Amino acid sequence: MRKTALLIAVLMAASSPALAKAKKAKLPPKPAAMSQNEASGKLVLDALPLFLPSAAQVVYLSTQQQKDSKKK
């Protein structure tokens, strides 16, 4: 009986609004929203390898990998 009461007390404390607010504060910030034009452009560029011939895919993906390594 004591264990059950203790368990319920712990669960009630864990679900308190003060603890939930503290957890929200630790979340990382959301990325900035993109405009619809930027999102469409990114979609087209990301889908490009699907329409390239297999020989051209190797070249395209290697250039993308080089761009990504330069950004870091």
PDB file of N, CA and C in Angstrom:
ATOM      1  N   MET A   1       0.817  -1.182   0.000  1.00  0.00           N
ATOM      2  CA  MET A   1       0.000   0.000   0.000  1.00  0.00           C
ATOM      3  C   MET A   1       0.869   1.257   0.000  1.00  0.00           C
ATOM      4  N   ARG A   2       1.940   1.241   0.799  1.00  0.00           N
ATOM      5  CA  ARG A   2       2.822   2.398   0.866  1.00  0.00           C
ATOM      6  C   ARG A   2       3.546   2.597  -0.474  1.00  0.00           C
ATOM      7  N   LYS A   3       3.934   1.488  -1.086  1.00  0.00           N
ATOM      8  CA  LYS A   3       4.637   1.582  -2.370  1.00  0.00           C
ATOM      9  C   LYS A   3       3.726   2.187  -3.429  1.00  0.00           C
ATOM     10  N   THR A   4       2.463   1.798  -3.408  1.00  0.00           N
ATOM     11  CA  THR A   4       1.507   2.331  -4.377  1.00  0.00           C
ATOM     12  C   THR A   4       1.300   3.823  -4.155  1.00  0.00           C
ATOM     13  N   ALA A   5       1.168   4.241  -2.912  1.00  0.00           N
ATOM     14  CA  ALA A   5       0.986   5.660  -2.599  1.00  0.00           C
ATOM     15  C   ALA A   5       2.226   6.453  -2.990  1.00  0.00           C
ATOM     16  N   LEU A   6       3.396   5.904  -2.745  1.00  0.00           N
ATOM     17  CA  LEU A   6       4.631   6.576  -3.105  1.00  0.00           C
ATOM     18  C   LEU A   6       4.749   6.687  -4.628  1.00  0.00           C
ATOM     19  N   LEU A   7       4.390   5.632  -5.335  1.00  0.00           N
ATOM     20  CA  LEU A   7       4.437   5.642  -6.790  1.00  0.00           C
ATOM     21  C   LEU A   7       3.484   6.698  -7.364  1.00  0.00           C
ATOM     22  N   ILE A   8       2.299   6.784  -6.819  1.00  0.00           N
ATOM     23  CA  ILE A   8       1.326   7.782  -7.271  1.00  0.00           C
ATOM     24  C   ILE A   8       1.834   9.187  -6.989  1.00  0.00           C
ATOM     25  N   ALA A   9       2.455   9.394  -5.834  1.00  0.00           N
ATOM     26  CA  ALA A   9       2.991  10.711  -5.485  1.00  0.00           C
ATOM     27  C   ALA A   9       4.119  11.101  -6.444  1.00  0.00           C
ATOM     28  N   VAL A  10       4.969  10.159  -6.777  1.00  0.00           N
ATOM     29  CA  VAL A  10       6.065  10.438  -7.709  1.00  0.00           C
ATOM     30  C   VAL A  10       5.510  10.764  -9.097  1.00  0.00           C
ATOM     31  N   LEU A  11       4.519  10.014  -9.547  1.00  0.00           N
ATOM     32  CA  LEU A  11       3.918  10.271 -10.857  1.00  0.00           C
ATOM     33  C   LEU A  11       3.216  11.624 -10.907  1.00  0.00           C
ATOM     34  N   MET A  12       2.560  12.000  -9.823  1.00  0.00           N
ATOM     35  CA  MET A  12       1.897  13.300  -9.777  1.00  0.00           C
ATOM     36  C   MET A  12       2.924  14.435  -9.824  1.00  0.00           C
ATOM     37  N   ALA A  13       4.034  14.251  -9.129  1.00  0.00           N
ATOM     38  CA  ALA A  13       5.076  15.276  -9.129  1.00  0.00           C
ATOM     39  C   ALA A  13       5.730  15.378 -10.513  1.00  0.00           C
ATOM     40  N   ALA A  14       5.903  14.240 -11.167  1.00  0.00           N
ATOM     41  CA  ALA A  14       6.530  14.234 -12.492  1.00  0.00           C
ATOM     42  C   ALA A  14       5.637  14.876 -13.543  1.00  0.00           C
ATOM     43  N   SER A  15       4.341  14.822 -13.349  1.00  0.00           N
ATOM     44  CA  SER A  15       3.427  15.384 -14.345  1.00  0.00           C
ATOM     45  C   SER A  15       2.973  16.798 -13.983  1.00  0.00           C
ATOM     46  N   SER A  16       3.632  17.410 -13.033  1.00  0.00           N
ATOM     47  CA  SER A  16       3.239  18.765 -12.620  1.00  0.00           C
ATOM     48  C   SER A  16       3.584  19.780 -13.711  1.00  0.00           C
ATOM     49  N   PRO A  17       2.847  20.851 -13.809  1.00  0.00           N
ATOM     50  CA  PRO A  17       3.108  21.866 -14.838  1.00  0.00           C
ATOM     51  C   PRO A  17       4.476  22.540 -14.690  1.00  0.00           C
ATOM     52  N   ALA A  18       4.956  22.680 -13.471  1.00  0.00           N
ATOM     53  CA  ALA A  18       6.259  23.316 -13.270  1.00  0.00           C
ATOM     54  C   ALA A  18       7.369  22.478 -13.889  1.00  0.00           C
ATOM     55  N   LEU A  19       7.278  21.187 -13.748  1.00  0.00           N
ATOM     56  CA  LEU A  19       8.286  20.303 -14.334  1.00  0.00           C
ATOM     57  C   LEU A  19       8.162  20.288 -15.849  1.00  0.00           C
ATOM     58  N   ALA A  20       6.951  20.331 -16.360  1.00  0.00           N
ATOM     59  CA  ALA A  20       6.752  20.356 -17.807  1.00  0.00           C
ATOM     60  C   ALA A  20       7.314  21.639 -18.399  1.00  0.00           C
ATOM     61  N   LYS A  21       7.173  22.747 -17.706  1.00  0.00           N
ATOM     62  CA  LYS A  21       7.701  24.024 -18.180  1.00  0.00           C
ATOM     63  C   LYS A  21       9.230  23.983 -18.201  1.00  0.00           C
ATOM     64  N   ALA A  22       9.818  23.340 -17.219  1.00  0.00           N
ATOM     65  CA  ALA A  22      11.276  23.227 -17.173  1.00  0.00           C
ATOM     66  C   ALA A  22      11.777  22.371 -18.328  1.00  0.00           C
ATOM     67  N   LYS A  23      11.030  21.341 -18.686  1.00  0.00           N
ATOM     68  CA  LYS A  23      11.442  20.499 -19.803  1.00  0.00           C
ATOM     69  C   LYS A  23      11.349  21.255 -21.119  1.00  0.00           C
ATOM     70  N   LYS A  24      10.334  22.100 -21.279  1.00  0.00           N
ATOM     71  CA  LYS A  24      10.190  22.870 -22.502  1.00  0.00           C
ATOM     72  C   LYS A  24      11.330  23.862 -22.670  1.00  0.00           C
ATOM     73  N   ALA A  25      11.833  24.383 -21.595  1.00  0.00           N
ATOM     74  CA  ALA A  25      12.912  25.358 -21.670  1.00  0.00           C
ATOM     75  C   ALA A  25      14.194  24.720 -22.195  1.00  0.00           C
ATOM     76  N   LYS A  26      14.378  23.441 -22.016  1.00  0.00           N
ATOM     77  CA  LYS A  26      15.590  22.764 -22.433  1.00  0.00           C
ATOM     78  C   LYS A  26      15.567  22.360 -23.901  1.00  0.00           C
ATOM     79  N   LEU A  27      14.416  22.444 -24.577  1.00  0.00           N
ATOM     80  CA  LEU A  27      14.322  22.055 -25.969  1.00  0.00           C
ATOM     81  C   LEU A  27      15.110  23.025 -26.843  1.00  0.00           C
ATOM     82  N   PRO A  28      15.747  22.513 -27.917  1.00  0.00           N
ATOM     83  CA  PRO A  28      16.488  23.411 -28.804  1.00  0.00           C
ATOM     84  C   PRO A  28      15.511  24.292 -29.596  1.00  0.00           C
ATOM     85  N   PRO A  29      15.972  25.437 -30.026  1.00  0.00           N
ATOM     86  CA  PRO A  29      15.083  26.330 -30.770  1.00  0.00           C
ATOM     87  C   PRO A  29      14.702  25.729 -32.121  1.00  0.00           C
ATOM     88  N   LYS A  30      13.510  26.061 -32.601  1.00  0.00           N
ATOM     89  CA  LYS A  30      13.052  25.560 -33.891  1.00  0.00           C
ATOM     90  C   LYS A  30      13.790  26.299 -35.006  1.00  0.00           C
ATOM     91  N   PRO A  31      14.089  25.593 -36.116  1.00  0.00           N
ATOM     92  CA  PRO A  31      14.748  26.288 -37.220  1.00  0.00           C
ATOM     93  C   PRO A  31      13.803  27.314 -37.849  1.00  0.00           C
ATOM     94  N   ALA A  32      14.380  28.315 -38.447  1.00  0.00           N
ATOM     95  CA  ALA A  32      13.578  29.360 -39.078  1.00  0.00           C
ATOM     96  C   ALA A  32      12.782  28.776 -40.235  1.00  0.00           C
ATOM     97  N   ALA A  33      11.571  29.226 -40.404  1.00  0.00           N
ATOM     98  CA  ALA A  33      10.716  28.727 -41.473  1.00  0.00           C
ATOM     99  C   ALA A  33      11.198  29.275 -42.810  1.00  0.00           C
ATOM    100  N   MET A  34      11.158  28.404 -43.807  1.00  0.00           N
ATOM    101  CA  MET A  34      11.548  28.801 -45.153  1.00  0.00           C
ATOM    102  C   MET A  34      10.344  29.346 -45.897  1.00  0.00           C
ATOM    103  N   SER A  35      10.611  30.213 -46.838  1.00  0.00           N
ATOM    104  CA  SER A  35       9.517  30.671 -47.675  1.00  0.00           C
ATOM    105  C   SER A  35       9.135  29.540 -48.622  1.00  0.00           C
ATOM    106  N   GLN A  36       7.983  29.661 -49.230  1.00  0.00           N
ATOM    107  CA  GLN A  36       7.510  28.598 -50.110  1.00  0.00           C
ATOM    108  C   GLN A  36       8.426  28.466 -51.332  1.00  0.00           C
ATOM    109  N   ASN A  37       8.967  29.569 -51.814  1.00  0.00           N
ATOM    110  CA  ASN A  37       9.855  29.516 -52.973  1.00  0.00           C
ATOM    111  C   ASN A  37      11.154  28.783 -52.639  1.00  0.00           C
ATOM    112  N   GLU A  38      11.702  29.050 -51.463  1.00  0.00           N
ATOM    113  CA  GLU A  38      12.935  28.375 -51.058  1.00  0.00           C
ATOM    114  C   GLU A  38      12.693  26.883 -50.887  1.00  0.00           C
ATOM    115  N   ALA A  39      11.568  26.538 -50.299  1.00  0.00           N
ATOM    116  CA  ALA A  39      11.259  25.129 -50.083  1.00  0.00           C
ATOM    117  C   ALA A  39      11.076  24.409 -51.412  1.00  0.00           C
ATOM    118  N   SER A  40      10.437  25.048 -52.371  1.00  0.00           N
ATOM    119  CA  SER A  40      10.234  24.437 -53.681  1.00  0.00           C
ATOM    120  C   SER A  40      11.569  24.234 -54.392  1.00  0.00           C
ATOM    121  N   GLY A  41      12.425  25.234 -54.291  1.00  0.00           N
ATOM    122  CA  GLY A  41      13.745  25.114 -54.912  1.00  0.00           C
ATOM    123  C   GLY A  41      14.559  23.995 -54.299  1.00  0.00           C
ATOM    124  N   LYS A  42      14.486  23.878 -52.994  1.00  0.00           N
ATOM    125  CA  LYS A  42      15.219  22.808 -52.314  1.00  0.00           C
ATOM    126  C   LYS A  42      14.677  21.440 -52.708  1.00  0.00           C
ATOM    127  N   LEU A  43      13.359  21.347 -52.865  1.00  0.00           N
ATOM    128  CA  LEU A  43      12.746  20.086 -53.283  1.00  0.00           C
ATOM    129  C   LEU A  43      13.210  19.690 -54.672  1.00  0.00           C
ATOM    130  N   VAL A  44      13.262  20.648 -55.579  1.00  0.00           N
ATOM    131  CA  VAL A  44      13.696  20.359 -56.949  1.00  0.00           C
ATOM    132  C   VAL A  44      15.151  19.910 -56.953  1.00  0.00           C
ATOM    133  N   LEU A  45      16.007  20.616 -56.215  1.00  0.00           N
ATOM    134  CA  LEU A  45      17.423  20.243 -56.193  1.00  0.00           C
ATOM    135  C   LEU A  45      17.643  18.881 -55.538  1.00  0.00           C
ATOM    136  N   ASP A  46      16.873  18.563 -54.504  1.00  0.00           N
ATOM    137  CA  ASP A  46      17.025  17.280 -53.837  1.00  0.00           C
ATOM    138  C   ASP A  46      16.493  16.135 -54.691  1.00  0.00           C
ATOM    139  N   ALA A  47      15.516  16.410 -55.559  1.00  0.00           N
ATOM    140  CA  ALA A  47      14.934  15.368 -56.400  1.00  0.00           C
ATOM    141  C   ALA A  47      15.681  15.192 -57.713  1.00  0.00           C
ATOM    142  N   LEU A  48      16.603  16.083 -58.021  1.00  0.00           N
ATOM    143  CA  LEU A  48      17.321  16.032 -59.288  1.00  0.00           C
ATOM    144  C   LEU A  48      18.001  14.684 -59.549  1.00  0.00           C
ATOM    145  N   PRO A  49      18.663  14.050 -58.585  1.00  0.00           N
ATOM    146  CA  PRO A  49      19.313  12.771 -58.872  1.00  0.00           C
ATOM    147  C   PRO A  49      18.340  11.676 -59.329  1.00  0.00           C
ATOM    148  N   LEU A  50      17.083  11.811 -59.003  1.00  0.00           N
ATOM    149  CA  LEU A  50      16.124  10.797 -59.447  1.00  0.00           C
ATOM    150  C   LEU A  50      15.941  10.807 -60.952  1.00  0.00           C
ATOM    151  N   PHE A  51      16.147  11.961 -61.581  1.00  0.00           N
ATOM    152  CA  PHE A  51      15.911  12.093 -63.011  1.00  0.00           C
ATOM    153  C   PHE A  51      17.183  12.082 -63.842  1.00  0.00           C
ATOM    154  N   LEU A  52      18.330  12.067 -63.194  1.00  0.00           N
ATOM    155  CA  LEU A  52      19.595  12.024 -63.921  1.00  0.00           C
ATOM    156  C   LEU A  52      19.911  10.602 -64.356  1.00  0.00           C
ATOM    157  N   PRO A  53      20.612  10.437 -65.475  1.00  0.00           N
ATOM    158  CA  PRO A  53      21.078   9.094 -65.841  1.00  0.00           C
ATOM    159  C   PRO A  53      22.080   8.598 -64.801  1.00  0.00           C
ATOM    160  N   SER A  54      22.247   7.314 -64.727  1.00  0.00           N
ATOM    161  CA  SER A  54      23.081   6.739 -63.665  1.00  0.00           C
ATOM    162  C   SER A  54      24.529   7.224 -63.739  1.00  0.00           C
ATOM    163  N   ALA A  55      25.064   7.487 -64.919  1.00  0.00           N
ATOM    164  CA  ALA A  55      26.434   7.968 -65.037  1.00  0.00           C
ATOM    165  C   ALA A  55      26.556   9.381 -64.483  1.00  0.00           C
ATOM    166  N   ALA A  56      25.531  10.190 -64.656  1.00  0.00           N
ATOM    167  CA  ALA A  56      25.588  11.574 -64.191  1.00  0.00           C
ATOM    168  C   ALA A  56      25.334  11.678 -62.688  1.00  0.00           C
ATOM    169  N   GLN A  57      24.688  10.691 -62.115  1.00  0.00           N
ATOM    170  CA  GLN A  57      24.405  10.724 -60.682  1.00  0.00           C
ATOM    171  C   GLN A  57      25.684  10.732 -59.863  1.00  0.00           C
ATOM    172  N   VAL A  58      26.675   9.980 -60.294  1.00  0.00           N
ATOM    173  CA  VAL A  58      27.941   9.905 -59.570  1.00  0.00           C
ATOM    174  C   VAL A  58      28.596  11.282 -59.516  1.00  0.00           C
ATOM    175  N   VAL A  59      28.593  11.974 -60.636  1.00  0.00           N
ATOM    176  CA  VAL A  59      29.203  13.304 -60.694  1.00  0.00           C
ATOM    177  C   VAL A  59      28.415  14.277 -59.837  1.00  0.00           C
ATOM    178  N   TYR A  60      27.095  14.250 -59.948  1.00  0.00           N
ATOM    179  CA  TYR A  60      26.247  15.177 -59.187  1.00  0.00           C
ATOM    180  C   TYR A  60      26.421  14.969 -57.687  1.00  0.00           C
ATOM    181  N   LEU A  61      26.378  13.718 -57.252  1.00  0.00           N
ATOM    182  CA  LEU A  61      26.482  13.453 -55.822  1.00  0.00           C
ATOM    183  C   LEU A  61      27.870  13.777 -55.281  1.00  0.00           C
ATOM    184  N   SER A  62      28.905  13.599 -56.082  1.00  0.00           N
ATOM    185  CA  SER A  62      30.248  13.942 -55.608  1.00  0.00           C
ATOM    186  C   SER A  62      30.396  15.456 -55.460  1.00  0.00           C
ATOM    187  N   THR A  63      29.787  16.230 -56.375  1.00  0.00           N
ATOM    188  CA  THR A  63      29.862  17.684 -56.230  1.00  0.00           C
ATOM    189  C   THR A  63      29.064  18.149 -55.020  1.00  0.00           C
ATOM    190  N   GLN A  64      27.929  17.508 -54.752  1.00  0.00           N
ATOM    191  CA  GLN A  64      27.146  17.874 -53.570  1.00  0.00           C
ATOM    192  C   GLN A  64      27.910  17.558 -52.297  1.00  0.00           C
ATOM    193  N   GLN A  65      28.622  16.439 -52.308  1.00  0.00           N
ATOM    194  CA  GLN A  65      29.401  16.057 -51.129  1.00  0.00           C
ATOM    195  C   GLN A  65      30.538  17.060 -50.898  1.00  0.00           C
ATOM    196  N   GLN A  66      31.154  17.530 -51.978  1.00  0.00           N
ATOM    197  CA  GLN A  66      32.217  18.518 -51.842  1.00  0.00           C
ATOM    198  C   GLN A  66      31.670  19.842 -51.307  1.00  0.00           C
ATOM    199  N   LYS A  67      30.467  20.237 -51.755  1.00  0.00           N
ATOM    200  CA  LYS A  67      29.861  21.469 -51.250  1.00  0.00           C
ATOM    201  C   LYS A  67      29.554  21.349 -49.767  1.00  0.00           C
ATOM    202  N   ASP A  68      29.051  20.184 -49.350  1.00  0.00           N
ATOM    203  CA  ASP A  68      28.732  19.988 -47.944  1.00  0.00           C
ATOM    204  C   ASP A  68      29.968  20.002 -47.068  1.00  0.00           C
ATOM    205  N   SER A  69      31.070  19.449 -47.574  1.00  0.00           N
ATOM    206  CA  SER A  69      32.294  19.427 -46.766  1.00  0.00           C
ATOM    207  C   SER A  69      32.890  20.829 -46.650  1.00  0.00           C
ATOM    208  N   LYS A  70      32.688  21.680 -47.657  1.00  0.00           N
ATOM    209  CA  LYS A  70      33.204  23.050 -47.581  1.00  0.00           C
ATOM    210  C   LYS A  70      32.395  23.895 -46.607  1.00  0.00           C
ATOM    211  N   LYS A  71      31.112  23.599 -46.453  1.00  0.00           N
ATOM    212  CA  LYS A  71      30.263  24.359 -45.538  1.00  0.00           C
ATOM    213  C   LYS A  71      30.677  24.139 -44.094  1.00  0.00           C
ATOM    214  N   LYS A  72      31.166  22.987 -43.780  1.00  0.00           N
ATOM    215  CA  LYS A  72      31.521  22.652 -42.390  1.00  0.00           C
ATOM    216  C   LYS A  72      32.853  23.175 -42.082  1.00  0.00           C
TER     217      LYS A  72
END
